[in-house]
Amino acid sequence: MKLLVDQFLLHLKAQRNFARSTIKAYRFDLSEFLCCAGAHKGEGLKDLDRLLMRGYIAFLSGRKVSRNTLLRKISAVRSFIHYLLESGRIETDPFGLITIPKKEKRLPRFMTEGEIGRLQDHNRPEEVNLREKNYYFSLRDYALFELVYSSGLRRSEAAGLNIGDLDLFSGFARVMGKGSVERLVPVGEKALAAIRDYLATRPKPLAHGLPLFLNHRNTRLTGAGLALIFKKMAKRARFARPMNPHSVRHSFATHMLNNGCDLKSVQEMLGHKNLQTTEIYTHVSLERLKEVYDKAHPRSRK
């Protein structure tokens, strides 16, 4: 069955609408599934039955993983099963009549506009250079933060940018999102100014195909490296709770809605395929909702 899993993963790569990280996660999850199946003596296609699937779900539940992690692992196996059904290798869906747990609906963690201001104040290059005299990357870190907050980018999107993807004159960035889908996102003046300051320190020439953000080895900054930078920035601002690139992205969406941006525009900027994904931010825009209520409801007026 391992050979079939390899063929399935090659099939996903050929479709070109699956992120590399998704395929990597599928490979890990399916390897785990094969180990579980082997322990239950389910190593052939004929053994892919409902009993095996129930046993696998029970195995995952016993490990006390989060519900969303459990669903991700089940989704990988279900996609593999769907591939086997479509290619005619099996005839019946072993997941039939099995109740799958529903996804947890968690409100995204975000920061207030005041907290964003505090992060900016404590991480301005001049402030950092006064306290950390040997820190070379203050301009890069500040430009990175300003860009992610300005445009609501995912960490992989920010790390994947090349110099040529950014138009410093029109104020737009060409971003490669999930599923290799490109989109144009606006970039604010503060972010553009911070990026210009950072690029001024880069060795010339600045070719369009070069990575926008470099690490200490002068190679492309990775998503994991970006997350570490944001963690360090939160520490400088003495944040008690965790802060990561995704919470900055959530903050971007929430603040846009709080200040009157329509949901459809936020969806396009975030690169969400479905409007339902973006609608979660309407639940956290309470500040804007209360303001509108106070202005509109006759009994709320003082």
Foldseek 3Di string as FASTA:
>chain_A
DVVLLVVLLVVVVVVLQADPVLSVVLNVLVVVLCVQCVVVVNNDPVSLALVSVVSVLVVVVVVVDDLVVSVSSVVSVQSSQVVCCVVVVDPDDRCPPPDRDDDDDDQAAADDPVVLVLLLVLLQLVNCCVVPVPDDCSLVLNLLLLFCLQQLEQLQFLLPAFQLQADLPVQWGWTQDRRRDTAITGHDPVSSVSLVVVVVPDDDDRDRGATSHADPVRHGQHSVNSQVSQQVSCVSSVPPDDDGSNNSSLHSLLVCVLVPHDLVVNCRSNVPPDSVVSCSSVVVNVNSVVVVCCVPDPVNDD
